[in-house]
């Protein structure tokens, strides 16, 4: 069990027939994901792990004229695809929803 007194970081554990991911930052529990579905908890773990990978890739490969997220999302899809088509498609669907709500901002020079 993660409490505000726990050391900062992200914890993944199994309790009361439920997988739990909890993040503790600055003495506060900032995020909690609970699920009984192993694939769902795996999805969240991959999402956490892929963030710095995709961010590093995007920083090194983005074009100044294109929205930074294009390279970021491209790498996220690549990481999720390593876990099968189901994970890849779920990430693509999530990205589409994000881009529909917050369209890419590309610039012409």
PDB file of N, CA and C in Angstrom:
ATOM      1  N   UNK A   1       0.840  -1.181   0.000  1.00  0.00           N
ATOM      2  CA  UNK A   1       0.000   0.000   0.000  1.00  0.00           C
ATOM      3  C   UNK A   1       0.887   1.246   0.000  1.00  0.00           C
ATOM      4  N   UNK A   2       0.584   2.163  -0.870  1.00  0.00           N
ATOM      5  CA  UNK A   2       1.326   3.415  -0.955  1.00  0.00           C
ATOM      6  C   UNK A   2       0.600   4.466  -0.122  1.00  0.00           C
ATOM      7  N   UNK A   3       1.359   5.172   0.670  1.00  0.00           N
ATOM      8  CA  UNK A   3       0.797   6.256   1.482  1.00  0.00           C
ATOM      9  C   UNK A   3       1.556   7.536   1.170  1.00  0.00           C
ATOM     10  N   UNK A   4       1.040   8.689   1.576  1.00  0.00           N
ATOM     11  CA  UNK A   4       1.788   9.929   1.364  1.00  0.00           C
ATOM     12  C   UNK A   4       3.183   9.905   1.999  1.00  0.00           C
ATOM     13  N   UNK A   5       3.401   9.031   2.982  1.00  0.00           N
ATOM     14  CA  UNK A   5       4.706   8.927   3.632  1.00  0.00           C
ATOM     15  C   UNK A   5       5.656   7.989   2.899  1.00  0.00           C
ATOM     16  N   UNK A   6       5.177   7.315   1.852  1.00  0.00           N
ATOM     17  CA  UNK A   6       6.033   6.411   1.073  1.00  0.00           C
ATOM     18  C   UNK A   6       7.065   7.218   0.313  1.00  0.00           C
ATOM     19  N   UNK A   7       8.175   6.578   0.008  1.00  0.00           N
ATOM     20  CA  UNK A   7       9.221   7.212  -0.794  1.00  0.00           C
ATOM     21  C   UNK A   7       8.654   7.594  -2.159  1.00  0.00           C
ATOM     22  N   UNK A   8       9.105   8.729  -2.719  1.00  0.00           N
ATOM     23  CA  UNK A   8       8.628   9.162  -4.040  1.00  0.00           C
ATOM     24  C   UNK A   8       8.928   8.110  -5.089  1.00  0.00           C
ATOM     25  N   UNK A   9       7.990   7.962  -6.015  1.00  0.00           N
ATOM     26  CA  UNK A   9       8.180   7.029  -7.105  1.00  0.00           C
ATOM     27  C   UNK A   9       6.863   6.398  -7.525  1.00  0.00           C
ATOM     28  N   UNK A  10       6.964   5.471  -8.443  1.00  0.00           N
ATOM     29  CA  UNK A  10       5.793   4.758  -8.940  1.00  0.00           C
ATOM     30  C   UNK A  10       5.844   3.331  -8.415  1.00  0.00           C
ATOM     31  N   UNK A  11       4.735   2.878  -7.887  1.00  0.00           N
ATOM     32  CA  UNK A  11       4.633   1.558  -7.296  1.00  0.00           C
ATOM     33  C   UNK A  11       3.605   0.741  -8.065  1.00  0.00           C
ATOM     34  N   UNK A  12       3.933  -0.507  -8.281  1.00  0.00           N
ATOM     35  CA  UNK A  12       3.005  -1.431  -8.933  1.00  0.00           C
ATOM     36  C   UNK A  12       2.882  -2.628  -8.002  1.00  0.00           C
ATOM     37  N   UNK A  13       1.657  -2.927  -7.617  1.00  0.00           N
ATOM     38  CA  UNK A  13       1.461  -4.039  -6.694  1.00  0.00           C
ATOM     39  C   UNK A  13       0.096  -4.675  -6.893  1.00  0.00           C
ATOM     40  N   UNK A  14      -0.100  -5.801  -6.247  1.00  0.00           N
ATOM     41  CA  UNK A  14      -1.342  -6.563  -6.334  1.00  0.00           C
ATOM     42  C   UNK A  14      -1.925  -6.654  -4.937  1.00  0.00           C
ATOM     43  N   UNK A  15      -3.169  -6.210  -4.785  1.00  0.00           N
ATOM     44  CA  UNK A  15      -3.805  -6.227  -3.478  1.00  0.00           C
ATOM     45  C   UNK A  15      -5.305  -6.417  -3.650  1.00  0.00           C
ATOM     46  N   UNK A  16      -5.882  -7.271  -2.828  1.00  0.00           N
ATOM     47  CA  UNK A  16      -7.322  -7.502  -2.828  1.00  0.00           C
ATOM     48  C   UNK A  16      -7.858  -7.812  -4.231  1.00  0.00           C
ATOM     49  N   UNK A  17      -7.184  -8.743  -4.921  1.00  0.00           N
ATOM     50  CA  UNK A  17      -7.571  -9.184  -6.265  1.00  0.00           C
ATOM     51  C   UNK A  17      -7.555  -8.071  -7.300  1.00  0.00           C
ATOM     52  N   UNK A  18      -6.669  -7.104  -7.125  1.00  0.00           N
ATOM     53  CA  UNK A  18      -6.616  -5.959  -8.029  1.00  0.00           C
ATOM     54  C   UNK A  18      -5.162  -5.546  -8.244  1.00  0.00           C
ATOM     55  N   UNK A  19      -4.808  -5.267  -9.503  1.00  0.00           N
ATOM     56  CA  UNK A  19      -3.500  -4.693  -9.812  1.00  0.00           C
ATOM     57  C   UNK A  19      -3.602  -3.183  -9.601  1.00  0.00           C
ATOM     58  N   UNK A  20      -2.578  -2.611  -8.985  1.00  0.00           N
ATOM     59  CA  UNK A  20      -2.614  -1.184  -8.668  1.00  0.00           C
ATOM     60  C   UNK A  20      -1.296  -0.540  -9.065  1.00  0.00           C
ATOM     61  N   UNK A  21      -1.398   0.617  -9.723  1.00  0.00           N
ATOM     62  CA  UNK A  21      -0.236   1.471  -9.981  1.00  0.00           C
ATOM     63  C   UNK A  21      -0.506   2.773  -9.241  1.00  0.00           C
ATOM     64  N   UNK A  22       0.431   3.166  -8.416  1.00  0.00           N
ATOM     65  CA  UNK A  22       0.268   4.382  -7.636  1.00  0.00           C
ATOM     66  C   UNK A  22       1.560   5.184  -7.699  1.00  0.00           C
ATOM     67  N   UNK A  23       1.427   6.481  -7.893  1.00  0.00           N
ATOM     68  CA  UNK A  23       2.596   7.365  -7.931  1.00  0.00           C
ATOM     69  C   UNK A  23       2.560   8.288  -6.726  1.00  0.00           C
ATOM     70  N   UNK A  24       3.686   8.427  -6.086  1.00  0.00           N
ATOM     71  CA  UNK A  24       3.807   9.313  -4.937  1.00  0.00           C
ATOM     72  C   UNK A  24       4.803  10.411  -5.283  1.00  0.00           C
ATOM     73  N   UNK A  25       4.331  11.645  -5.273  1.00  0.00           N
ATOM     74  CA  UNK A  25       5.192  12.793  -5.572  1.00  0.00           C
ATOM     75  C   UNK A  25       5.006  13.859  -4.507  1.00  0.00           C
ATOM     76  N   UNK A  26       6.106  14.310  -3.942  1.00  0.00           N
ATOM     77  CA  UNK A  26       6.108  15.399  -2.963  1.00  0.00           C
ATOM     78  C   UNK A  26       5.117  15.139  -1.824  1.00  0.00           C
ATOM     79  N   UNK A  27       5.100  13.900  -1.345  1.00  0.00           N
ATOM     80  CA  UNK A  27       4.250  13.557  -0.221  1.00  0.00           C
ATOM     81  C   UNK A  27       2.781  13.409  -0.554  1.00  0.00           C
ATOM     82  N   UNK A  28       2.460  13.364  -1.847  1.00  0.00           N
ATOM     83  CA  UNK A  28       1.069  13.208  -2.276  1.00  0.00           C
ATOM     84  C   UNK A  28       0.951  12.025  -3.226  1.00  0.00           C
ATOM     85  N   UNK A  29      -0.117  11.292  -3.113  1.00  0.00           N
ATOM     86  CA  UNK A  29      -0.402  10.233  -4.078  1.00  0.00           C
ATOM     87  C   UNK A  29      -1.046  10.930  -5.264  1.00  0.00           C
ATOM     88  N   UNK A  30      -0.327  10.960  -6.386  1.00  0.00           N
ATOM     89  CA  UNK A  30      -0.767  11.783  -7.514  1.00  0.00           C
ATOM     90  C   UNK A  30      -1.550  11.009  -8.562  1.00  0.00           C
ATOM     91  N   UNK A  31      -1.423   9.714  -8.579  1.00  0.00           N
ATOM     92  CA  UNK A  31      -2.138   8.942  -9.592  1.00  0.00           C
ATOM     93  C   UNK A  31      -2.336   7.521  -9.087  1.00  0.00           C
ATOM     94  N   UNK A  32      -3.529   7.012  -9.298  1.00  0.00           N
ATOM     95  CA  UNK A  32      -3.813   5.626  -8.930  1.00  0.00           C
ATOM     96  C   UNK A  32      -4.600   4.974 -10.061  1.00  0.00           C
ATOM     97  N   UNK A  33      -4.110   3.833 -10.508  1.00  0.00           N
ATOM     98  CA  UNK A  33      -4.812   3.031 -11.510  1.00  0.00           C
ATOM     99  C   UNK A  33      -5.102   1.687 -10.861  1.00  0.00           C
ATOM    100  N   UNK A  34      -6.359   1.276 -10.898  1.00  0.00           N
ATOM    101  CA  UNK A  34      -6.748  -0.026 -10.348  1.00  0.00           C
ATOM    102  C   UNK A  34      -7.465  -0.816 -11.430  1.00  0.00           C
ATOM    103  N   UNK A  35      -7.103  -2.078 -11.552  1.00  0.00           N
ATOM    104  CA  UNK A  35      -7.769  -2.947 -12.525  1.00  0.00           C
ATOM    105  C   UNK A  35      -7.573  -4.408 -12.127  1.00  0.00           C
ATOM    106  N   UNK A  36      -8.484  -5.234 -12.536  1.00  0.00           N
ATOM    107  CA  UNK A  36      -8.350  -6.679 -12.335  1.00  0.00           C
ATOM    108  C   UNK A  36      -7.791  -7.346 -13.591  1.00  0.00           C
ATOM    109  N   UNK A  37      -7.696  -6.589 -14.661  1.00  0.00           N
ATOM    110  CA  UNK A  37      -7.265  -7.105 -15.962  1.00  0.00           C
ATOM    111  C   UNK A  37      -5.743  -6.967 -16.109  1.00  0.00           C
ATOM    112  N   UNK A  38      -5.058  -8.091 -16.259  1.00  0.00           N
ATOM    113  CA  UNK A  38      -3.598  -8.060 -16.388  1.00  0.00           C
ATOM    114  C   UNK A  38      -3.156  -7.276 -17.619  1.00  0.00           C
ATOM    115  N   UNK A  39      -3.848  -7.453 -18.753  1.00  0.00           N
ATOM    116  CA  UNK A  39      -3.470  -6.708 -19.962  1.00  0.00           C
ATOM    117  C   UNK A  39      -3.608  -5.206 -19.761  1.00  0.00           C
ATOM    118  N   UNK A  40      -4.604  -4.803 -19.009  1.00  0.00           N
ATOM    119  CA  UNK A  40      -4.801  -3.376 -18.748  1.00  0.00           C
ATOM    120  C   UNK A  40      -3.673  -2.817 -17.890  1.00  0.00           C
ATOM    121  N   UNK A  41      -3.253  -3.550 -16.870  1.00  0.00           N
ATOM    122  CA  UNK A  41      -2.154  -3.051 -16.028  1.00  0.00           C
ATOM    123  C   UNK A  41      -0.861  -3.050 -16.827  1.00  0.00           C
ATOM    124  N   UNK A  42      -0.679  -4.054 -17.691  1.00  0.00           N
ATOM    125  CA  UNK A  42       0.496  -4.085 -18.557  1.00  0.00           C
ATOM    126  C   UNK A  42       0.498  -2.867 -19.475  1.00  0.00           C
ATOM    127  N   UNK A  43      -0.674  -2.515 -20.016  1.00  0.00           N
ATOM    128  CA  UNK A  43      -0.810  -1.320 -20.858  1.00  0.00           C
ATOM    129  C   UNK A  43      -0.280  -0.085 -20.121  1.00  0.00           C
ATOM    130  N   UNK A  44      -0.707   0.097 -18.878  1.00  0.00           N
ATOM    131  CA  UNK A  44      -0.297   1.267 -18.103  1.00  0.00           C
ATOM    132  C   UNK A  44       1.201   1.246 -17.796  1.00  0.00           C
ATOM    133  N   UNK A  45       1.732   0.073 -17.536  1.00  0.00           N
ATOM    134  CA  UNK A  45       3.176  -0.044 -17.297  1.00  0.00           C
ATOM    135  C   UNK A  45       3.950   0.356 -18.556  1.00  0.00           C
ATOM    136  N   UNK A  46       3.518  -0.154 -19.705  1.00  0.00           N
ATOM    137  CA  UNK A  46       4.181   0.197 -20.969  1.00  0.00           C
ATOM    138  C   UNK A  46       4.079   1.700 -21.212  1.00  0.00           C
ATOM    139  N   UNK A  47       2.938   2.283 -20.896  1.00  0.00           N
ATOM    140  CA  UNK A  47       2.750   3.725 -21.071  1.00  0.00           C
ATOM    141  C   UNK A  47       3.748   4.506 -20.217  1.00  0.00           C
ATOM    142  N   UNK A  48       3.940   4.078 -18.985  1.00  0.00           N
ATOM    143  CA  UNK A  48       4.893   4.742 -18.084  1.00  0.00           C
ATOM    144  C   UNK A  48       6.323   4.586 -18.618  1.00  0.00           C
ATOM    145  N   UNK A  49       6.675   3.380 -19.006  1.00  0.00           N
ATOM    146  CA  UNK A  49       8.036   3.093 -19.466  1.00  0.00           C
ATOM    147  C   UNK A  49       8.314   3.755 -20.823  1.00  0.00           C
ATOM    148  N   UNK A  50       7.293   3.825 -21.680  1.00  0.00           N
ATOM    149  CA  UNK A  50       7.513   4.381 -23.021  1.00  0.00           C
ATOM    150  C   UNK A  50       7.659   5.901 -23.021  1.00  0.00           C
ATOM    151  N   UNK A  51       7.184   6.566 -21.979  1.00  0.00           N
ATOM    152  CA  UNK A  51       7.227   8.033 -21.958  1.00  0.00           C
ATOM    153  C   UNK A  51       8.643   8.581 -22.144  1.00  0.00           C
ATOM    154  N   UNK A  52       9.619   8.201 -21.305  1.00  0.00           N
ATOM    155  CA  UNK A  52      10.961   8.762 -21.509  1.00  0.00           C
ATOM    156  C   UNK A  52      11.620   8.295 -22.807  1.00  0.00           C
ATOM    157  N   UNK A  53      11.288   7.088 -23.255  1.00  0.00           N
ATOM    158  CA  UNK A  53      11.839   6.579 -24.512  1.00  0.00           C
ATOM    159  C   UNK A  53      11.346   7.429 -25.670  1.00  0.00           C
ATOM    160  N   UNK A  54      10.034   7.654 -25.718  1.00  0.00           N
ATOM    161  CA  UNK A  54       9.440   8.448 -26.796  1.00  0.00           C
ATOM    162  C   UNK A  54       9.867   9.908 -26.713  1.00  0.00           C
ATOM    163  N   UNK A  55       9.976  10.446 -25.517  1.00  0.00           N
ATOM    164  CA  UNK A  55      10.385  11.835 -25.344  1.00  0.00           C
ATOM    165  C   UNK A  55      11.818  12.039 -25.834  1.00  0.00           C
ATOM    166  N   UNK A  56      12.706  11.141 -25.473  1.00  0.00           N
ATOM    167  CA  UNK A  56      14.098  11.235 -25.916  1.00  0.00           C
ATOM    168  C   UNK A  56      14.187  11.145 -27.438  1.00  0.00           C
ATOM    169  N   UNK A  57      13.447  10.205 -28.012  1.00  0.00           N
ATOM    170  CA  UNK A  57      13.425  10.050 -29.471  1.00  0.00           C
ATOM    171  C   UNK A  57      12.919  11.322 -30.149  1.00  0.00           C
ATOM    172  N   UNK A  58      11.827  11.866 -29.631  1.00  0.00           N
ATOM    173  CA  UNK A  58      11.226  13.062 -30.237  1.00  0.00           C
ATOM    174  C   UNK A  58      12.175  14.254 -30.147  1.00  0.00           C
ATOM    175  N   UNK A  59      12.857  14.407 -29.036  1.00  0.00           N
ATOM    176  CA  UNK A  59      13.803  15.523 -28.876  1.00  0.00           C
ATOM    177  C   UNK A  59      14.918  15.448 -29.917  1.00  0.00           C
ATOM    178  N   UNK A  60      15.340  14.237 -30.240  1.00  0.00           N
ATOM    179  CA  UNK A  60      16.444  14.052 -31.181  1.00  0.00           C
ATOM    180  C   UNK A  60      16.013  14.062 -32.643  1.00  0.00           C
ATOM    181  N   UNK A  61      14.731  13.829 -32.915  1.00  0.00           N
ATOM    182  CA  UNK A  61      14.303  13.615 -34.299  1.00  0.00           C
ATOM    183  C   UNK A  61      13.209  14.536 -34.819  1.00  0.00           C
ATOM    184  N   UNK A  62      12.769  15.484 -34.022  1.00  0.00           N
ATOM    185  CA  UNK A  62      11.661  16.313 -34.498  1.00  0.00           C
ATOM    186  C   UNK A  62      12.144  17.349 -35.501  1.00  0.00           C
ATOM    187  N   UNK A  63      11.217  17.788 -36.334  1.00  0.00           N
ATOM    188  CA  UNK A  63      11.479  18.851 -37.292  1.00  0.00           C
ATOM    189  C   UNK A  63      10.911  20.142 -36.717  1.00  0.00           C
ATOM    190  N   UNK A  64      11.661  21.232 -36.757  1.00  0.00           N
ATOM    191  CA  UNK A  64      11.178  22.494 -36.181  1.00  0.00           C
ATOM    192  C   UNK A  64       9.854  22.976 -36.788  1.00  0.00           C
ATOM    193  N   UNK A  65       9.541  22.541 -38.004  1.00  0.00           N
ATOM    194  CA  UNK A  65       8.312  22.981 -38.665  1.00  0.00           C
ATOM    195  C   UNK A  65       7.101  22.112 -38.322  1.00  0.00           C
ATOM    196  N   UNK A  66       7.336  20.991 -37.688  1.00  0.00           N
ATOM    197  CA  UNK A  66       6.252  20.056 -37.390  1.00  0.00           C
ATOM    198  C   UNK A  66       6.017  19.956 -35.888  1.00  0.00           C
ATOM    199  N   UNK A  67       4.795  19.673 -35.536  1.00  0.00           N
ATOM    200  CA  UNK A  67       4.431  19.485 -34.133  1.00  0.00           C
ATOM    201  C   UNK A  67       5.330  18.404 -33.531  1.00  0.00           C
ATOM    202  N   UNK A  68       5.908  18.712 -32.396  1.00  0.00           N
ATOM    203  CA  UNK A  68       6.812  17.822 -31.672  1.00  0.00           C
ATOM    204  C   UNK A  68       6.162  16.454 -31.408  1.00  0.00           C
ATOM    205  N   UNK A  69       4.858  16.466 -31.200  1.00  0.00           N
ATOM    206  CA  UNK A  69       4.156  15.227 -30.861  1.00  0.00           C
ATOM    207  C   UNK A  69       4.169  14.212 -31.984  1.00  0.00           C
ATOM    208  N   UNK A  70       4.390  14.650 -33.220  1.00  0.00           N
ATOM    209  CA  UNK A  70       4.416  13.691 -34.332  1.00  0.00           C
ATOM    210  C   UNK A  70       5.477  12.620 -34.100  1.00  0.00           C
ATOM    211  N   UNK A  71       6.685  13.024 -33.749  1.00  0.00           N
ATOM    212  CA  UNK A  71       7.757  12.057 -33.500  1.00  0.00           C
ATOM    213  C   UNK A  71       7.538  11.313 -32.188  1.00  0.00           C
ATOM    214  N   UNK A  72       7.014  12.014 -31.204  1.00  0.00           N
ATOM    215  CA  UNK A  72       6.717  11.393 -29.912  1.00  0.00           C
ATOM    216  C   UNK A  72       5.705  10.259 -30.084  1.00  0.00           C
ATOM    217  N   UNK A  73       4.600  10.551 -30.770  1.00  0.00           N
ATOM    218  CA  UNK A  73       3.569   9.532 -30.985  1.00  0.00           C
ATOM    219  C   UNK A  73       4.084   8.388 -31.849  1.00  0.00           C
ATOM    220  N   UNK A  74       4.890   8.716 -32.843  1.00  0.00           N
ATOM    221  CA  UNK A  74       5.460   7.694 -33.724  1.00  0.00           C
ATOM    222  C   UNK A  74       6.260   6.668 -32.904  1.00  0.00           C
ATOM    223  N   UNK A  75       7.060   7.158 -31.975  1.00  0.00           N
ATOM    224  CA  UNK A  75       7.872   6.261 -31.149  1.00  0.00           C
ATOM    225  C   UNK A  75       7.006   5.486 -30.169  1.00  0.00           C
ATOM    226  N   UNK A  76       5.984   6.129 -29.619  1.00  0.00           N
ATOM    227  CA  UNK A  76       5.085   5.410 -28.712  1.00  0.00           C
ATOM    228  C   UNK A  76       4.424   4.235 -29.433  1.00  0.00           C
ATOM    229  N   UNK A  77       3.959   4.467 -30.642  1.00  0.00           N
ATOM    230  CA  UNK A  77       3.339   3.384 -31.417  1.00  0.00           C
ATOM    231  C   UNK A  77       4.357   2.269 -31.651  1.00  0.00           C
ATOM    232  N   UNK A  78       5.594   2.630 -31.948  1.00  0.00           N
ATOM    233  CA  UNK A  78       6.642   1.619 -32.169  1.00  0.00           C
ATOM    234  C   UNK A  78       6.858   0.774 -30.913  1.00  0.00           C
ATOM    235  N   UNK A  79       6.889   1.413 -29.753  1.00  0.00           N
ATOM    236  CA  UNK A  79       7.088   0.678 -28.500  1.00  0.00           C
ATOM    237  C   UNK A  79       5.891  -0.235 -28.231  1.00  0.00           C
ATOM    238  N   UNK A  80       4.690   0.300 -28.346  1.00  0.00           N
ATOM    239  CA  UNK A  80       3.496  -0.507 -28.074  1.00  0.00           C
ATOM    240  C   UNK A  80       3.352  -1.657 -29.070  1.00  0.00           C
ATOM    241  N   UNK A  81       3.802  -1.467 -30.292  1.00  0.00           N
ATOM    242  CA  UNK A  81       3.687  -2.528 -31.297  1.00  0.00           C
ATOM    243  C   UNK A  81       4.537  -3.745 -30.934  1.00  0.00           C
ATOM    244  N   UNK A  82       5.545  -3.567 -30.092  1.00  0.00           N
ATOM    245  CA  UNK A  82       6.373  -4.692 -29.643  1.00  0.00           C
ATOM    246  C   UNK A  82       5.571  -5.677 -28.794  1.00  0.00           C
ATOM    247  N   UNK A  83       4.408  -5.239 -28.323  1.00  0.00           N
ATOM    248  CA  UNK A  83       3.581  -6.088 -27.473  1.00  0.00           C
ATOM    249  C   UNK A  83       2.361  -6.634 -28.206  1.00  0.00           C
ATOM    250  N   UNK A  84       2.355  -6.473 -29.527  1.00  0.00           N
ATOM    251  CA  UNK A  84       1.301  -7.054 -30.343  1.00  0.00           C
ATOM    252  C   UNK A  84       0.372  -6.024 -30.962  1.00  0.00           C
ATOM    253  N   UNK A  85      -0.396  -6.512 -31.927  1.00  0.00           N
ATOM    254  CA  UNK A  85      -1.300  -5.636 -32.673  1.00  0.00           C
ATOM    255  C   UNK A  85      -2.382  -5.010 -31.798  1.00  0.00           C
ATOM    256  N   UNK A  86      -2.849  -5.740 -30.808  1.00  0.00           N
ATOM    257  CA  UNK A  86      -3.896  -5.209 -29.923  1.00  0.00           C
ATOM    258  C   UNK A  86      -3.399  -3.972 -29.166  1.00  0.00           C
ATOM    259  N   UNK A  87      -2.189  -4.053 -28.636  1.00  0.00           N
ATOM    260  CA  UNK A  87      -1.612  -2.915 -27.916  1.00  0.00           C
ATOM    261  C   UNK A  87      -1.319  -1.760 -28.878  1.00  0.00           C
ATOM    262  N   UNK A  88      -0.799  -2.095 -30.033  1.00  0.00           N
ATOM    263  CA  UNK A  88      -0.505  -1.070 -31.043  1.00  0.00           C
ATOM    264  C   UNK A  88      -1.776  -0.320 -31.433  1.00  0.00           C
ATOM    265  N   UNK A  89      -2.840  -1.053 -31.728  1.00  0.00           N
ATOM    266  CA  UNK A  89      -4.085  -0.414 -32.163  1.00  0.00           C
ATOM    267  C   UNK A  89      -4.705   0.428 -31.051  1.00  0.00           C
ATOM    268  N   UNK A  90      -4.610  -0.055 -29.829  1.00  0.00           N
ATOM    269  CA  UNK A  90      -5.154   0.724 -28.701  1.00  0.00           C
ATOM    270  C   UNK A  90      -4.409   2.051 -28.563  1.00  0.00           C
ATOM    271  N   UNK A  91      -3.088   2.026 -28.754  1.00  0.00           N
ATOM    272  CA  UNK A  91      -2.308   3.266 -28.668  1.00  0.00           C
ATOM    273  C   UNK A  91      -2.653   4.189 -29.828  1.00  0.00           C
ATOM    274  N   UNK A  92      -2.789   3.638 -31.032  1.00  0.00           N
ATOM    275  CA  UNK A  92      -3.164   4.452 -32.199  1.00  0.00           C
ATOM    276  C   UNK A  92      -4.522   5.111 -31.956  1.00  0.00           C
ATOM    277  N   UNK A  93      -5.475   4.361 -31.426  1.00  0.00           N
ATOM    278  CA  UNK A  93      -6.802   4.915 -31.134  1.00  0.00           C
ATOM    279  C   UNK A  93      -6.720   6.033 -30.097  1.00  0.00           C
ATOM    280  N   UNK A  94      -5.895   5.837 -29.075  1.00  0.00           N
ATOM    281  CA  UNK A  94      -5.713   6.866 -28.042  1.00  0.00           C
ATOM    282  C   UNK A  94      -5.110   8.139 -28.642  1.00  0.00           C
ATOM    283  N   UNK A  95      -4.113   7.971 -29.482  1.00  0.00           N
ATOM    284  CA  UNK A  95      -3.468   9.121 -30.131  1.00  0.00           C
ATOM    285  C   UNK A  95      -4.465   9.845 -31.033  1.00  0.00           C
ATOM    286  N   UNK A  96      -5.263   9.104 -31.773  1.00  0.00           N
ATOM    287  CA  UNK A  96      -6.279   9.734 -32.643  1.00  0.00           C
ATOM    288  C   UNK A  96      -7.254  10.581 -31.834  1.00  0.00           C
ATOM    289  N   UNK A  97      -7.689  10.063 -30.692  1.00  0.00           N
ATOM    290  CA  UNK A  97      -8.593  10.841 -29.843  1.00  0.00           C
ATOM    291  C   UNK A  97      -7.914  12.118 -29.361  1.00  0.00           C
ATOM    292  N   UNK A  98      -6.649  12.016 -28.993  1.00  0.00           N
ATOM    293  CA  UNK A  98      -5.895  13.182 -28.536  1.00  0.00           C
ATOM    294  C   UNK A  98      -5.760  14.211 -29.646  1.00  0.00           C
ATOM    295  N   UNK A  99      -5.383  13.759 -30.834  1.00  0.00           N
ATOM    296  CA  UNK A  99      -5.175  14.678 -31.963  1.00  0.00           C
ATOM    297  C   UNK A  99      -6.507  15.272 -32.428  1.00  0.00           C
ATOM    298  N   UNK A 100      -7.580  14.522 -32.335  1.00  0.00           N
ATOM    299  CA  UNK A 100      -8.886  15.079 -32.674  1.00  0.00           C
ATOM    300  C   UNK A 100      -9.257  16.215 -31.726  1.00  0.00           C
ATOM    301  N   UNK A 101      -8.924  16.041 -30.461  1.00  0.00           N
ATOM    302  CA  UNK A 101      -9.243  17.066 -29.465  1.00  0.00           C
ATOM    303  C   UNK A 101      -8.222  18.209 -29.488  1.00  0.00           C
ATOM    304  N   UNK A 102      -6.966  17.882 -29.724  1.00  0.00           N
ATOM    305  CA  UNK A 102      -5.879  18.866 -29.753  1.00  0.00           C
ATOM    306  C   UNK A 102      -5.070  18.649 -31.031  1.00  0.00           C
ATOM    307  N   UNK A 103      -5.532  19.233 -32.149  1.00  0.00           N
ATOM    308  CA  UNK A 103      -4.888  18.987 -33.447  1.00  0.00           C
ATOM    309  C   UNK A 103      -3.403  19.375 -33.459  1.00  0.00           C
ATOM    310  N   UNK A 104      -2.688  18.722 -34.386  1.00  0.00           N
ATOM    311  CA  UNK A 104      -1.281  19.057 -34.573  1.00  0.00           C
ATOM    312  C   UNK A 104      -1.150  20.523 -34.953  1.00  0.00           C
ATOM    313  N   UNK A 105      -0.074  21.148 -34.491  1.00  0.00           N
ATOM    314  CA  UNK A 105       0.227  22.532 -34.846  1.00  0.00           C
ATOM    315  C   UNK A 105       1.537  22.537 -35.627  1.00  0.00           C
ATOM    316  N   UNK A 106       1.410  22.394 -36.929  1.00  0.00           N
ATOM    317  CA  UNK A 106       2.582  22.442 -37.820  1.00  0.00           C
ATOM    318  C   UNK A 106       2.723  23.863 -38.353  1.00  0.00           C
ATOM    319  N   UNK A 107       3.953  24.249 -38.658  1.00  0.00           N
ATOM    320  CA  UNK A 107       4.229  25.594 -39.120  1.00  0.00           C
ATOM    321  C   UNK A 107       4.925  25.568 -40.460  1.00  0.00           C
ATOM    322  N   UNK A 108       4.551  26.473 -41.332  1.00  0.00           N
ATOM    323  CA  UNK A 108       5.228  26.616 -42.618  1.00  0.00           C
ATOM    324  C   UNK A 108       6.169  27.804 -42.543  1.00  0.00           C
ATOM    325  N   UNK A 109       7.363  27.607 -43.055  1.00  0.00           N
ATOM    326  CA  UNK A 109       8.349  28.706 -43.058  1.00  0.00           C
ATOM    327  C   UNK A 109       8.544  29.248 -44.442  1.00  0.00           C
TER     328      UNK A 109
END
